[in-house]
Protein backbone atom coordinates (compact mmCIF):
# COMPACT_ATOMS: atom_id res chain seq x y z
CA MET A 1 36.27 1.10 63.53
CA SER A 2 37.37 2.99 60.44
CA SER A 3 36.27 6.61 60.08
CA ASN A 4 34.64 6.03 56.69
CA LEU A 5 31.73 4.37 58.49
CA VAL A 6 30.79 7.74 59.95
CA GLN A 7 31.58 9.76 56.84
CA ALA A 8 29.24 7.58 54.79
CA LYS A 9 26.26 8.87 56.83
CA LEU A 10 24.73 5.43 57.06
CA THR A 11 21.24 5.47 58.57
CA VAL A 12 19.37 2.71 60.34
CA ARG A 13 16.75 2.83 57.62
CA THR A 14 19.49 2.06 55.11
CA LEU A 15 20.19 -1.08 57.13
CA GLN A 16 16.53 -1.95 57.36
CA ALA A 17 15.07 -1.14 54.00
CA PRO A 18 17.12 -3.01 51.39
CA PRO A 19 16.72 -6.74 50.83
CA LEU A 20 19.42 -9.10 51.99
CA SER A 21 21.38 -10.95 49.33
CA VAL A 22 22.62 -14.12 50.98
CA LYS A 23 25.06 -14.92 48.24
CA SER A 24 27.04 -11.77 48.94
CA GLY A 25 25.83 -11.11 52.48
CA ARG A 26 25.25 -7.47 51.59
CA PHE A 27 22.41 -4.97 51.61
CA ARG A 28 21.53 -2.81 48.65
CA SER A 29 21.19 0.80 49.74
CA GLU A 30 18.60 3.45 49.03
CA ALA A 31 19.84 5.72 46.27
CA HIS A 32 18.79 8.89 48.02
CA ARG A 33 20.86 8.01 51.07
CA MET A 34 24.21 7.33 49.46
CA PRO A 35 25.67 5.71 46.36
CA PRO A 36 24.81 1.97 46.37
CA THR A 37 28.42 0.83 46.19
CA GLN A 38 29.37 3.05 49.14
CA ALA A 39 26.55 1.76 51.37
CA GLU A 40 27.30 -1.82 50.40
CA SER A 41 30.92 -1.31 51.29
CA VAL A 42 30.06 0.20 54.68
CA ILE A 43 27.60 -2.51 55.61
CA LYS A 44 29.97 -5.20 54.39
CA ASN A 45 32.63 -3.73 56.69
CA ILE A 46 30.22 -3.91 59.63
CA ILE A 47 29.39 -7.53 58.84
CA ARG A 48 33.08 -8.36 58.45
CA GLU A 49 33.99 -6.73 61.76
CA ILE A 50 31.27 -8.65 63.58
CA GLY A 51 32.51 -11.88 62.04
CA GLN A 52 36.08 -11.11 63.07
CA GLU A 53 35.01 -10.29 66.63
CA CYS A 54 33.17 -13.60 66.88
CA ALA A 55 36.16 -15.46 65.43
CA ALA A 56 38.41 -13.84 68.03
CA HIS A 57 36.19 -15.47 70.67
CA GLY A 58 36.50 -18.85 68.95
CA GLU A 59 33.16 -18.78 67.13
CA ILE A 60 33.15 -18.96 63.33
CA VAL A 61 29.88 -17.37 62.20
CA PRO A 62 28.65 -17.53 58.56
CA GLU A 63 28.32 -14.15 56.88
CA THR A 64 24.66 -14.88 56.19
CA LEU A 65 23.93 -15.32 59.88
CA VAL A 66 25.78 -12.11 60.73
CA ALA A 67 23.76 -10.18 58.15
CA PHE A 68 20.53 -11.59 59.56
CA MET A 69 21.58 -10.64 63.09
CA VAL A 70 22.38 -7.06 62.05
CA LYS A 71 18.82 -6.69 60.81
CA ALA A 72 17.38 -8.37 63.90
CA VAL A 73 19.26 -6.03 66.25
CA VAL A 74 18.31 -2.91 64.28
CA LEU A 75 14.67 -4.03 64.08
CA ASP A 76 14.33 -4.57 67.85
CA PRO A 77 12.99 -1.27 69.30
CA SER A 78 14.52 -2.03 72.70
CA ASN A 79 17.95 -1.42 71.18
CA GLY A 80 17.05 2.21 70.50
CA PHE A 81 18.14 2.68 66.90
CA ASN A 82 16.36 5.63 65.28
CA THR A 83 15.30 4.74 61.75
CA ASP A 84 16.16 8.13 60.21
CA ARG A 85 19.05 9.42 62.27
CA THR A 86 22.51 9.07 60.75
CA LEU A 87 24.54 6.38 62.47
CA THR A 88 27.46 7.83 64.41
CA LYS A 89 30.65 6.00 65.21
CA SER A 90 29.28 5.11 68.65
CA ASP A 91 26.06 3.80 67.01
CA VAL A 92 28.06 1.48 64.80
CA GLN A 93 30.15 0.32 67.73
CA LYS A 94 26.96 -0.33 69.69
CA LEU A 95 25.52 -2.28 66.75
CA VAL A 96 28.65 -4.40 66.46
CA LYS A 97 28.72 -5.09 70.20
CA LEU A 98 25.05 -6.08 70.37
CA CYS A 99 25.40 -8.39 67.38
CA VAL A 100 28.53 -10.05 68.74
CA ASN A 101 26.95 -10.56 72.15
CA ARG A 102 23.88 -12.20 70.64
CA LEU A 103 25.91 -14.38 68.29
CA LEU A 104 28.11 -15.59 71.15
CA ASP A 105 25.21 -16.29 73.52
CA SER A 106 25.27 -20.07 73.81
CA LYS A 107 22.31 -20.13 76.20
CA ASN A 108 19.79 -18.73 73.78
CA PRO A 109 17.04 -20.80 72.10
CA SER A 110 16.27 -17.78 69.93
CA LEU A 111 19.75 -17.85 68.40
CA ASP A 112 19.45 -21.59 67.75
CA THR A 113 16.20 -20.94 65.90
CA VAL A 114 17.74 -18.20 63.77
CA LYS A 115 20.70 -20.47 62.97
CA MET A 116 18.27 -23.23 62.01
CA GLN A 117 16.34 -20.88 59.73
CA VAL A 118 19.50 -19.63 58.03
CA TYR A 119 20.80 -23.18 57.61
CA PHE A 120 17.54 -24.43 56.11
CA ASP A 121 17.16 -21.43 53.83
CA MET A 122 20.69 -21.90 52.54
CA ASN A 123 20.37 -25.64 51.95
CA TYR A 124 16.77 -26.40 51.04
CA THR A 125 15.06 -25.78 47.74
CA SER A 126 12.05 -27.25 45.97
CA ARG A 127 12.60 -30.55 44.18
CA GLU A 128 12.02 -28.89 40.81
CA GLU A 129 14.67 -26.25 41.40
CA PHE A 130 17.07 -28.74 42.92
CA LEU A 131 16.79 -31.14 39.97
CA GLU A 132 17.19 -28.27 37.54
CA GLU A 133 20.35 -27.17 39.33
CA HIS A 134 21.57 -30.77 39.67
CA HIS A 135 21.28 -31.34 35.92
CA ARG A 136 22.94 -28.01 35.20
CA VAL A 137 25.89 -29.00 37.37
CA ILE A 138 26.17 -32.33 35.56
CA GLU A 139 26.21 -30.54 32.22
CA SER A 140 28.95 -28.22 33.43
CA ARG A 141 31.02 -31.19 34.58
CA LEU A 142 30.64 -32.85 31.19
CA SER A 143 31.30 -29.74 29.14
CA SER A 144 35.07 -30.22 28.91
CA VAL A 145 34.74 -33.88 27.80
CA SER A 146 32.04 -32.93 25.32
CA ARG A 147 34.16 -30.09 23.95
CA GLU A 148 37.15 -32.39 23.39
CA ILE A 149 34.94 -34.61 21.28
CA THR A 150 33.05 -31.96 19.33
CA ASP A 151 36.20 -29.91 18.63
CA SER A 152 38.19 -32.94 17.48
CA ARG A 153 39.72 -32.89 13.99
CA ALA A 154 40.86 -36.51 14.09
CA CYS A 155 42.16 -37.82 10.76
CA VAL A 156 44.60 -40.70 11.26
CA ARG A 157 43.69 -44.07 12.73
CA GLU A 158 45.26 -43.47 16.16
CA GLU A 159 43.38 -40.15 16.53
CA LEU A 160 40.08 -41.77 15.53
CA GLU A 161 40.58 -44.62 18.01
CA SER A 162 41.33 -42.09 20.73
CA LEU A 163 38.22 -40.11 19.83
CA TYR A 164 36.07 -43.25 19.99
CA ARG A 165 37.44 -44.05 23.45
CA LYS A 166 36.55 -40.52 24.54
CA ILE A 167 33.00 -41.04 23.31
CA VAL A 168 32.77 -44.25 25.36
CA SER A 169 34.03 -42.35 28.43
CA TYR A 170 31.52 -39.59 27.79
CA VAL A 171 28.69 -42.12 27.55
CA LEU A 172 29.70 -43.66 30.87
CA LEU A 173 30.12 -40.33 32.61
CA ARG A 174 26.77 -38.99 31.42
CA SER A 175 24.89 -42.18 32.20
CA GLY A 176 26.48 -42.68 35.60
CA LEU A 177 26.46 -46.44 35.04
CA GLY A 178 29.96 -47.33 36.18
CA SER A 179 33.45 -45.88 36.00
CA PRO A 180 35.22 -45.14 32.69
CA THR A 181 38.41 -46.56 34.24
CA ASP A 182 36.98 -50.04 34.91
CA ILE A 183 37.98 -52.41 32.10
CA LYS A 184 34.90 -54.65 32.30
CA ILE A 185 32.55 -51.69 32.30
CA VAL A 186 34.39 -50.02 29.41
CA ARG A 187 34.25 -53.22 27.36
CA GLU A 188 30.54 -53.62 27.97
CA ALA A 189 29.80 -49.99 27.11
CA THR A 190 32.04 -50.17 24.02
CA ALA A 191 30.22 -53.27 22.76
CA ALA A 192 26.85 -51.60 23.24
CA LEU A 193 28.06 -48.44 21.48
CA GLN A 194 29.52 -50.41 18.57
CA SER A 195 26.18 -52.11 17.99
CA VAL A 196 24.55 -48.74 17.22
CA PHE A 197 27.51 -46.52 16.32
CA PRO A 198 30.50 -48.44 14.91
CA GLN A 199 33.83 -46.66 14.72
CA THR A 200 33.49 -46.51 10.94
CA GLU A 201 30.80 -43.84 11.35
CA LEU A 202 33.20 -41.41 13.00
CA GLY A 203 33.91 -39.82 9.63
CA THR A 204 30.26 -38.86 9.22
CA PHE A 205 30.09 -37.72 12.84
CA LEU A 206 33.03 -35.35 12.33
CA THR A 207 31.26 -33.57 9.47
CA LEU A 208 28.33 -32.59 11.69
CA SER A 209 27.92 -29.17 13.26
CA LYS A 210 28.85 -28.74 16.91
CA LYS A 211 25.21 -28.70 18.00
CA ASP A 212 24.40 -31.81 16.00
CA LYS A 213 27.42 -33.58 17.50
CA GLU A 214 26.25 -32.69 21.02
CA ARG A 215 22.75 -33.87 20.20
CA GLN A 216 24.04 -37.16 18.82
CA LEU A 217 26.28 -37.74 21.85
CA LYS A 218 23.30 -37.36 24.18
CA GLU A 219 21.17 -39.67 22.05
CA LEU A 220 23.92 -42.28 21.86
CA THR A 221 24.27 -42.13 25.64
CA MET A 222 20.57 -42.84 26.13
CA ILE A 223 20.55 -45.69 23.63
CA VAL A 224 23.67 -47.33 25.09
CA THR A 225 22.24 -46.86 28.60
CA GLY A 226 18.99 -48.53 27.52
CA ILE A 227 20.89 -51.44 25.97
CA ARG A 228 22.96 -51.99 29.10
CA LEU A 229 19.89 -51.80 31.35
CA PHE A 230 18.08 -54.32 29.15
CA ASN A 231 21.09 -56.66 29.15
CA ARG A 232 21.28 -56.35 32.95
CA ASP A 233 17.62 -57.30 33.24
CA CYS A 234 18.28 -60.34 31.02
CA GLY A 235 21.25 -61.37 33.15
CA LYS A 236 23.74 -60.77 30.33
CA GLY A 237 25.46 -57.59 31.49
CA GLY A 238 24.99 -54.55 33.67
CA GLU A 239 28.47 -54.47 35.15
CA GLY A 240 28.75 -51.66 37.72
CA ILE A 241 25.05 -50.79 37.61
CA ASP A 242 23.51 -50.44 41.07
CA ASP A 243 19.98 -51.67 41.64
CA LEU A 244 18.58 -48.20 42.26
CA PRO A 245 14.90 -49.26 42.50
CA ALA A 246 15.78 -51.74 45.26
CA ILE A 247 18.03 -49.21 46.99
CA LEU A 248 15.25 -46.61 46.95
CA GLN A 249 12.64 -49.09 48.17
CA GLU A 250 14.80 -49.60 51.23
CA ALA A 251 16.06 -46.02 51.66
CA ILE A 252 12.72 -44.23 51.42
CA PRO A 253 10.98 -46.06 54.31
CA ALA A 254 14.16 -45.82 56.40
CA THR A 255 14.46 -42.08 55.78
CA THR A 256 10.75 -41.63 56.44
CA GLN A 257 11.13 -43.46 59.73
CA HIS A 258 14.08 -41.24 60.66
CA VAL A 259 12.13 -38.03 59.94
CA ASP A 260 9.06 -39.38 61.73
CA SER A 261 11.05 -40.13 64.85
CA GLN A 262 12.51 -36.61 64.86
CA LEU A 263 9.07 -35.14 64.25
CA GLU A 264 7.64 -37.08 67.17
CA VAL A 265 10.38 -35.76 69.48
CA VAL A 266 9.90 -32.09 68.60
CA GLN A 267 6.11 -32.33 68.70
CA GLU A 268 6.21 -33.84 72.19
CA GLN A 269 8.52 -31.04 73.31
CA ALA A 270 6.19 -28.44 71.78
CA TYR A 271 3.14 -29.92 73.53
CA ARG A 272 4.91 -29.92 76.91
CA TYR A 273 6.26 -26.38 76.59
CA THR A 274 2.78 -25.19 75.57
CA ALA A 275 1.17 -26.86 78.58
CA ILE A 276 3.70 -25.27 80.94
CA LEU A 277 3.27 -21.82 79.41
CA GLU A 278 -0.50 -22.10 79.83
CA LYS A 279 0.07 -23.00 83.49
CA VAL A 280 2.37 -19.98 83.92
CA ALA A 281 -0.24 -17.67 82.34
CA LYS A 282 -2.77 -18.79 84.96
CA ASN A 283 -0.30 -18.51 87.83
CA PRO A 284 1.62 -15.19 87.76
CA LEU A 285 3.76 -16.24 90.73
CA MET A 286 5.43 -18.87 88.54
CA SER A 287 6.76 -16.11 86.30
CA GLN A 288 8.92 -14.86 89.15
CA GLU A 289 10.56 -18.27 89.62
CA LEU A 290 10.66 -19.23 85.95
CA GLN A 291 11.78 -17.39 82.84
CA PRO A 292 8.70 -17.62 80.58
CA TYR A 293 10.49 -15.87 77.72
CA MET A 294 13.02 -18.73 77.61
CA LEU A 295 10.18 -21.24 77.47
CA ARG A 296 8.54 -19.31 74.65
CA GLU A 297 11.79 -19.14 72.70
CA ALA A 298 12.25 -22.88 73.25
CA LEU A 299 8.70 -23.39 71.96
CA TYR A 300 9.45 -21.31 68.86
CA ASN A 301 12.57 -23.44 68.34
CA VAL A 302 10.77 -26.79 68.32
CA ARG A 303 7.83 -25.44 66.31
CA GLN A 304 10.22 -24.16 63.65
CA CYS A 305 11.96 -27.51 63.53
CA GLU A 306 8.59 -29.24 63.25
CA ILE A 307 7.70 -27.08 60.25
CA PHE A 308 10.98 -27.87 58.50
CA LEU A 309 10.60 -31.59 59.20
CA ARG A 310 7.10 -31.52 57.73
CA VAL A 311 8.46 -29.88 54.58
CA ILE A 312 11.12 -32.61 54.33
CA LEU A 313 8.58 -35.36 55.00
CA SER A 314 6.31 -33.96 52.31
CA ASP A 315 9.17 -34.16 49.81
CA ILE A 316 10.01 -37.72 50.87
CA ILE A 317 6.41 -38.75 50.33
CA THR A 318 6.59 -37.21 46.86
CA CYS A 319 9.77 -39.21 46.22
CA ALA A 320 7.99 -42.40 47.33
CA GLN A 321 5.11 -41.74 44.98
CA GLU A 322 7.43 -40.96 42.07
CA VAL A 323 9.53 -44.09 42.66
CA GLU A 324 6.47 -46.32 42.94
CA MET A 325 5.21 -45.00 39.60
CA MET A 326 8.64 -45.28 37.95
CA ILE A 327 9.11 -48.89 39.02
CA LYS A 328 5.86 -49.80 37.26
CA GLN A 329 6.96 -47.87 34.16
CA LEU A 330 10.37 -49.60 34.21
CA GLU A 331 8.78 -53.04 34.40
CA ALA A 332 6.40 -52.15 31.58
CA GLN A 333 9.18 -50.83 29.30
CA LEU A 334 11.38 -53.89 29.91
CA GLU A 335 8.46 -56.21 29.22
CA GLN A 336 7.63 -54.36 26.01
CA LEU A 337 11.27 -54.58 24.93
CA LYS A 338 11.35 -58.33 25.56
CA LEU A 339 8.23 -58.81 23.47
CA THR A 340 9.70 -56.67 20.70
CA VAL A 341 13.07 -58.45 20.62
CA LYS A 342 12.09 -62.03 21.57
CA SER A 343 14.38 -64.38 19.69
CA LYS A 344 14.87 -62.17 16.67
CA THR A 345 18.39 -61.68 15.37
CA ALA A 346 17.61 -58.24 13.96
CA VAL A 347 15.04 -55.68 15.05
CA PRO A 348 14.28 -52.34 13.34
CA THR A 349 15.86 -49.49 15.24
CA SER A 350 12.60 -47.54 14.97
CA GLN A 351 11.04 -50.12 17.27
CA VAL A 352 13.74 -50.51 19.93
CA PHE A 353 15.54 -47.16 20.07
CA PRO A 354 12.55 -45.29 21.57
CA ILE A 355 12.29 -47.96 24.30
CA PHE A 356 16.03 -47.77 25.02
CA ILE A 357 15.72 -43.98 25.36
CA ALA A 358 12.68 -44.35 27.63
CA LEU A 359 14.63 -46.78 29.84
CA SER A 360 17.51 -44.33 30.02
CA ASN A 361 15.23 -41.46 31.01
CA LEU A 362 13.62 -43.59 33.70
CA TRP A 363 17.01 -44.52 35.11
CA THR A 364 18.02 -40.86 35.20
CA SER A 365 14.89 -40.24 37.25
CA PHE A 366 15.89 -43.03 39.64
CA GLN A 367 19.29 -41.37 40.03
CA ASP A 368 17.58 -38.03 40.69
CA GLU A 369 15.40 -39.54 43.42
CA THR A 370 18.45 -41.19 44.99
CA VAL A 371 20.17 -37.83 45.26
CA LEU A 372 17.03 -36.14 46.58
CA ILE A 373 16.51 -38.73 49.30
CA SER A 374 20.14 -38.36 50.35
CA ILE A 375 19.86 -34.59 50.49
CA LEU A 376 16.63 -34.75 52.50
CA SER A 377 18.12 -37.26 54.93
CA ASN A 378 21.17 -35.05 55.27
CA LEU A 379 18.99 -32.00 55.98
CA THR A 380 17.14 -33.89 58.71
CA THR A 381 20.39 -34.95 60.35
CA HIS A 382 21.75 -31.41 60.31
CA LEU A 383 18.63 -29.97 61.95
CA GLU A 384 19.29 -32.01 65.10
CA PRO A 385 22.12 -29.83 66.52
CA PHE A 386 19.80 -26.82 66.60
CA LEU A 387 17.73 -28.68 69.22
CA GLY A 388 20.66 -29.72 71.39
CA ALA A 389 20.34 -26.96 73.98
CA HIS A 390 16.90 -27.96 75.30
CA ASP A 391 18.31 -30.34 77.89
CA LEU A 392 20.60 -27.54 79.04
CA PHE A 393 17.80 -24.99 79.36
CA PHE A 394 15.14 -27.30 80.75
CA PRO A 395 16.43 -30.65 82.08
CA GLU A 396 13.89 -33.45 82.25
CA LYS A 397 13.66 -33.23 86.07
CA VAL A 398 12.73 -29.54 85.85
CA ILE A 399 10.17 -30.21 83.13
CA GLN A 400 8.53 -32.98 85.16
CA VAL A 401 8.16 -30.64 88.16
CA LEU A 402 6.63 -27.94 85.97
CA LEU A 403 4.23 -30.45 84.42
CA ASP A 404 2.89 -31.50 87.81
CA GLY A 405 -0.89 -31.26 87.72
CA VAL A 406 -0.89 -30.33 84.02
CA THR A 407 -2.54 -32.20 81.16
CA VAL A 408 -0.34 -32.23 78.07
CA LYS A 409 -2.50 -31.93 74.97
CA THR A 410 -1.56 -32.63 71.38
CA ASP A 411 -2.57 -30.27 68.59
CA VAL A 412 -5.18 -32.79 67.44
CA CYS A 413 -6.68 -33.01 70.95
CA ARG A 414 -6.93 -29.23 71.19
CA ILE A 415 -8.74 -29.03 67.89
CA LYS A 416 -11.13 -31.86 68.77
CA GLU A 417 -12.11 -30.03 71.97
CA HIS A 418 -13.74 -27.26 69.93
CA ILE A 419 -14.62 -29.14 66.77
CA GLU A 420 -18.34 -28.38 67.20
CA ASP A 421 -17.87 -24.69 68.05
CA LYS A 422 -18.54 -22.55 65.02
CA VAL A 423 -18.76 -18.84 64.42
CA ASN A 424 -22.30 -17.60 63.83
CA VAL A 425 -22.06 -15.63 60.61
CA ALA A 426 -25.17 -13.65 61.56
CA ASP A 427 -23.16 -12.01 64.33
CA PHE A 428 -20.91 -10.32 61.78
CA LYS A 429 -22.39 -8.11 59.10
CA LYS A 430 -19.18 -6.71 57.65
CA LEU A 431 -16.80 -9.66 57.99
CA GLU A 432 -16.56 -12.76 55.85
CA TRP A 433 -16.17 -16.21 57.42
CA LEU A 434 -15.27 -19.36 55.52
CA PHE A 435 -16.24 -22.94 56.42
CA PRO A 436 -15.15 -26.31 55.00
CA GLU A 437 -18.63 -27.31 53.88
CA THR A 438 -19.19 -24.11 51.87
CA THR A 439 -15.71 -23.19 50.60
CA ALA A 440 -13.94 -24.80 47.65
CA ASN A 441 -10.33 -25.81 48.29
CA PHE A 442 -10.83 -24.93 51.97
CA ASP A 443 -7.77 -26.92 53.07
CA LYS A 444 -5.61 -25.13 50.51
CA LEU A 445 -6.12 -21.62 51.90
CA LEU A 446 -2.87 -19.99 53.00
CA ILE A 447 -3.51 -19.17 56.65
CA GLN A 448 -1.77 -16.24 58.33
CA TYR A 449 0.77 -16.96 61.08
CA ARG A 450 1.20 -20.43 59.62
CA GLY A 451 -2.13 -21.54 61.04
CA PHE A 452 -1.55 -20.54 64.68
CA CYS A 453 -4.24 -18.64 66.58
CA ALA A 454 -3.65 -14.91 66.08
CA TYR A 455 -5.68 -13.83 69.10
CA THR A 456 -3.96 -16.21 71.54
CA PHE A 457 -0.52 -15.22 70.33
CA ALA A 458 -1.30 -11.52 70.70
CA THR A 459 -2.93 -11.71 74.14
CA THR A 460 -0.69 -14.26 75.89
CA ASP A 461 2.66 -12.68 75.05
CA GLY A 462 3.46 -15.02 72.20
CA LEU A 463 1.94 -18.42 73.04
CA LEU A 464 1.51 -20.59 69.95
CA LEU A 465 -1.70 -22.61 69.80
CA PRO A 466 -2.99 -24.27 66.62
CA GLY A 467 -5.95 -22.58 65.01
CA ASN A 468 -9.03 -24.68 64.31
CA PRO A 469 -10.28 -24.09 60.75
CA SER A 470 -13.58 -25.82 61.54
CA ILE A 471 -14.55 -22.93 63.86
CA GLY A 472 -14.42 -20.69 60.82
CA ILE A 473 -11.68 -18.94 58.92
CA LEU A 474 -11.83 -15.14 59.00
CA LYS A 475 -11.15 -13.44 55.69
CA TYR A 476 -9.86 -9.97 56.46
CA LYS A 477 -8.23 -7.73 53.84
CA ASP A 478 -7.73 -10.76 51.57
CA LYS A 479 -5.87 -12.66 54.30
CA TYR A 480 -7.06 -15.67 56.26
CA TYR A 481 -6.97 -16.18 60.04
CA THR A 482 -7.76 -19.18 62.25
CA PHE A 483 -8.46 -19.35 65.99
CA ASN A 484 -8.27 -22.02 68.66
CA THR A 485 -11.68 -21.18 70.17
CA ARG A 486 -14.83 -19.40 69.07
CA ASP A 487 -14.33 -16.79 71.80
CA ALA A 488 -10.87 -16.04 70.42
CA ALA A 489 -12.37 -15.64 66.95
CA TYR A 490 -15.01 -13.19 68.19
CA SER A 491 -12.48 -11.15 70.18
CA PHE A 492 -10.07 -10.86 67.26
CA ALA A 493 -12.86 -9.92 64.87
CA GLU A 494 -13.80 -6.92 67.03
CA ASN A 495 -10.48 -5.20 66.25
CA PRO A 496 -8.22 -7.18 63.89
CA GLU A 497 -5.76 -4.33 63.31
CA ASN A 498 -5.02 -4.08 67.03
CA TYR A 499 -3.95 -7.71 67.29
CA ILE A 500 -2.08 -7.64 63.99
CA ASP A 501 -0.07 -4.66 65.30
CA ILE A 502 0.68 -6.46 68.57
CA ILE A 503 2.00 -9.49 66.67
CA ARG A 504 4.11 -7.26 64.44
CA GLU A 505 5.68 -5.56 67.45
CA LYS A 506 6.35 -8.92 69.09
CA ALA A 507 8.16 -10.07 65.94
CA LYS A 508 10.43 -7.02 66.09
CA ARG A 509 11.71 -8.26 69.45
CA ASN A 510 11.97 -11.90 68.36
CA ALA A 511 13.27 -11.83 64.81
CA GLU A 512 12.88 -15.61 64.41
CA LEU A 513 9.10 -15.02 64.36
CA ILE A 514 9.34 -13.30 60.97
CA GLN A 515 10.05 -16.63 59.31
CA LEU A 516 8.28 -18.86 61.82
CA LEU A 517 4.97 -17.02 61.37
CA GLU A 518 5.62 -15.94 57.76
CA LEU A 519 5.47 -12.21 58.50
CA HIS A 520 7.69 -11.09 55.64
CA GLN A 521 5.03 -9.04 53.89
CA GLN A 522 4.19 -7.11 57.06
CA PHE A 523 7.81 -5.99 57.29
CA GLU A 524 8.33 -5.10 53.64
CA SER A 525 8.20 -1.38 54.39
CA LEU A 526 11.07 -1.81 56.82
CA ILE A 527 13.15 -4.76 55.72
CA GLN A 528 11.90 -5.55 52.23
CA TYR A 529 11.75 -9.29 52.76
CA SER A 530 10.01 -11.29 50.08
CA GLN A 531 8.51 -14.71 50.79
CA ALA A 532 11.95 -15.97 49.75
CA ASN A 533 13.65 -13.79 52.36
CA LEU A 534 16.94 -15.64 52.68
CA ARG A 535 16.51 -18.08 49.87
CA ARG A 536 19.30 -17.27 47.50
CA LYS A 537 21.13 -20.37 48.73
CA VAL A 538 24.46 -21.73 47.67
CA THR A 539 22.98 -22.72 44.33
CA HIS A 540 22.44 -20.49 41.36
CA SER A 541 18.70 -21.07 41.30
CA VAL A 542 16.43 -18.52 42.98
CA GLN A 543 13.41 -19.51 45.05
CA THR A 544 10.22 -17.94 43.77
CA ASP A 545 7.83 -15.96 45.94
CA HIS A 546 5.31 -18.79 45.79
CA SER A 547 7.60 -21.68 46.63
CA HIS A 548 9.09 -20.52 49.91
CA MET A 549 7.66 -22.80 52.59
CA ARG A 550 4.36 -22.84 50.72
CA ARG A 551 3.37 -26.38 51.54
CA GLU A 552 -0.27 -25.70 52.41
CA ASN A 553 -1.26 -27.94 55.31
CA CYS A 554 2.12 -29.64 55.34
CA SER A 555 3.74 -26.50 56.72
CA GLN A 556 0.79 -25.25 58.71
CA VAL A 557 -0.60 -26.79 61.85
CA TYR A 558 -3.68 -28.49 60.50
CA PRO A 559 -4.00 -31.86 62.28
CA SER A 560 -2.66 -34.85 60.40
CA LYS A 561 -5.33 -37.23 59.17
CA ASP A 562 -3.12 -40.14 60.05
CA VAL A 563 -0.25 -40.35 62.46
CA GLY A 564 1.45 -42.93 60.28
CA THR A 565 3.57 -42.19 57.26
CA GLN A 566 3.04 -42.73 53.58
CA SER A 567 5.78 -45.04 52.46
CA MET A 568 5.82 -48.04 50.20
CA ARG A 569 6.73 -50.65 52.79
CA GLU A 570 7.96 -51.03 56.31
CA GLY A 571 11.60 -50.40 57.02
CA SER A 572 13.45 -50.87 60.26
CA SER A 573 17.05 -50.39 59.22
CA ARG A 574 19.01 -47.71 60.99
CA VAL A 575 19.45 -44.56 58.91
CA PRO A 576 23.15 -44.08 58.12
CA ARG A 577 24.90 -40.75 58.09
CA PRO A 578 24.17 -39.41 54.59
CA GLN A 579 27.23 -39.46 52.35
CA ILE A 580 25.74 -39.45 48.87
CA TYR A 581 25.29 -35.98 47.50
CA ILE A 582 25.37 -34.82 43.93
CA ALA A 583 28.43 -35.36 41.78
CA GLY A 584 29.66 -38.81 40.90
CA LEU A 585 26.36 -40.62 40.55
CA ARG A 586 26.93 -40.61 36.82
CA GLY A 587 30.34 -42.21 36.86
CA GLY A 588 33.60 -41.88 38.70
CA GLN A 589 37.12 -43.19 39.02
CA THR A 590 36.26 -46.38 40.94
CA LYS A 591 34.47 -49.59 40.07
CA THR A 592 31.48 -48.76 42.21
CA THR A 593 29.49 -45.58 41.71
CA TYR A 594 29.76 -43.19 44.66
CA GLY A 595 28.23 -39.80 45.23
CA VAL A 596 30.36 -36.86 46.28
CA LYS A 597 29.14 -33.48 47.51
CA VAL A 598 29.78 -30.62 45.13
CA ASN A 599 30.00 -26.90 45.76
CA LEU A 600 27.05 -25.46 43.85
CA THR A 601 28.40 -21.95 44.08
CA ARG A 602 30.61 -22.77 41.14
CA ALA A 603 29.55 -20.99 37.99
CA VAL A 604 27.64 -23.09 35.51
CA ASP A 605 29.97 -22.31 32.67
CA GLU A 606 33.06 -23.43 34.55
CA THR A 607 34.65 -26.64 33.38
C-alpha cells in the first residue's frame, strides 16, 4: 500500500458521506477533509487495489461492485471503523482485506444479492430513458453519413450521382428497413425516393442550409419508409422488411411466459424460506443446528429477484399494450391510404405524405418495442445466475426435512388470513391511519420497506412478511407503513422510532437491505444515496429520483389480483437466448436486418 494513502488523512466519513458515481467508480470527498481530487485519487487507489487482489485470486470484479463493497464494509459497525478518525495504513489494509474476503466468498447469498443489485442498476432503465438513449445512439451512428451529404459540394454528374446514392443509403440506414448493400433493397428504396425526390432536385437541395438539409433528409426517410411499407402491404414490394407486428405478437407472450416461470420459482423459494424461518423463531434449538442468517440472506436474495422480475414484467405488459394499440393504428393508416389512393394515377402529396410519415413513425415504434422486449428478456436471463447458489446452500433434501410439519403460505394466503382485521382509529388519538375505502389512490401510496411489515422485520431479526394494507396503513412523519397483523400494527405504533432505528441498524450489517427495502433516504446523512443510488448506468442518461424502482404495487408486495399474465395471446414457444440489442435494427451490411449490442458508454457526439 502506497504511503500517500496515509498522508492524505482519509477518514471513514469521507468514504461514507459522498455519493457513489458508478460511471467512474469514485467517491466525491468532503471539501473540509481534503481537496476533492486528492480524496478521489486515494479512494480510487483503494478500489483498484481491491480489484487487483481479487483478480490475483482468479475473480474479475467490476469496479462498481468493489465501490459498493467498500461502502458496505465501512457501514457495518461490526468492522469497527470510526467515522471521524483518520484512516491509518493498517486501517486501509484492513479495509482492503475485508472487502477482498467478502468479494471472494462464493458461499454467500448476501454477495449474490449485492451483485444482482449492481447488475440490475447498471443495465436497467425506464422505457422512456432507454428509448431516448436508443434514439440518441442512432443519431450518433448516422451523423457521419449525414455530414457527408450535408457538407457535399457536388457539381459534376458523377459527384451528383454519388451524392444521390449516399442519400439512398442514409434513408435505408435511418429506416432500418434492409441493408444498403443489398441490390434489390437499394433498387426498391431508390425507386421510392425518385418518386418524391428525383435526382434533378439535388441542385435545389444543395442550396439549402445545413439544418434544412438535415430536416429534409429525415422527412424523405419517413416518406420513403411509408411508401415501402404501403407497397409491402399491397404485395408489391417490401424487400428486406421484417414483419415486426407478427414477431412482437409471438415474442411478447413468450417473454412473458419466461418471466412468469422465473417469478413462480423465486416466489416458491421465498415462501418456503419464510416458513422455515418462522419455524426456527418458534424453536430456538433449531438455531443451533441451522444457520438462520444464511436462510435470511437467501430469503433476501429471492425477494430481491422477485422485485426485479416484477419490474421487468410490468414493462413487458406496457410493451404488449403499446403493440396492441399500434397494430390497430397501423391497420387504420393502411386502410386510409388505400382509400385515398384507390386506382388513381396521381394523388396530391398533401393527402398521402402525412399518412406515409405516420406509417414511418409507427414502424419506428415497432422497432423500439422489439429492442425493448429483447433487452427485457436479456435482463431476465442474466438474473438467473444470481440464484444459482441456492441448491448449494440448501439442497432440496435439506429443505424438505426443514419443512416437515410446516405449512407453506403464499403472500396472498397470509393477507387473506387477516383481511377482516382492521385497526380501530379510536385507539390512536395522535396517529393517522389510512384505509382503502376512505383514501383516494390508496393503492398508489409508496409504502416504506417496499410493503413488508416493519414490526415483524424489526422484532424477528429480519424476517420479511408482506404487509396487509387492508388492516390500515400508518402515516407517520409523512411516510407510510403496513403490517401483517393488527397486533403488529398496534405494537409498532406505540414506538415507531424504536423499530425504525432497529431496521436501520440491521441494514448496516446487511448492505443489500438498503436497496431491497428502499432505505436510501435513511442513510443520506452517512452515505448520501439518492433513490437512484447506483443508477448512473452504462448509458449517458441519468435515472431520476422518482423513477428508481418506483413501480407502485408492481415493486411492492401487494397481492396480485390475478395470477395469470396480461399478454395478447397464448404462447408456448421456448424463449431463445436474447441476441437482438440496439444497433443494426435500422439497417446493416447483410440482406436480413440483425440487431447488435452497442456500448452505450460511447459519447453521443462520436461518429
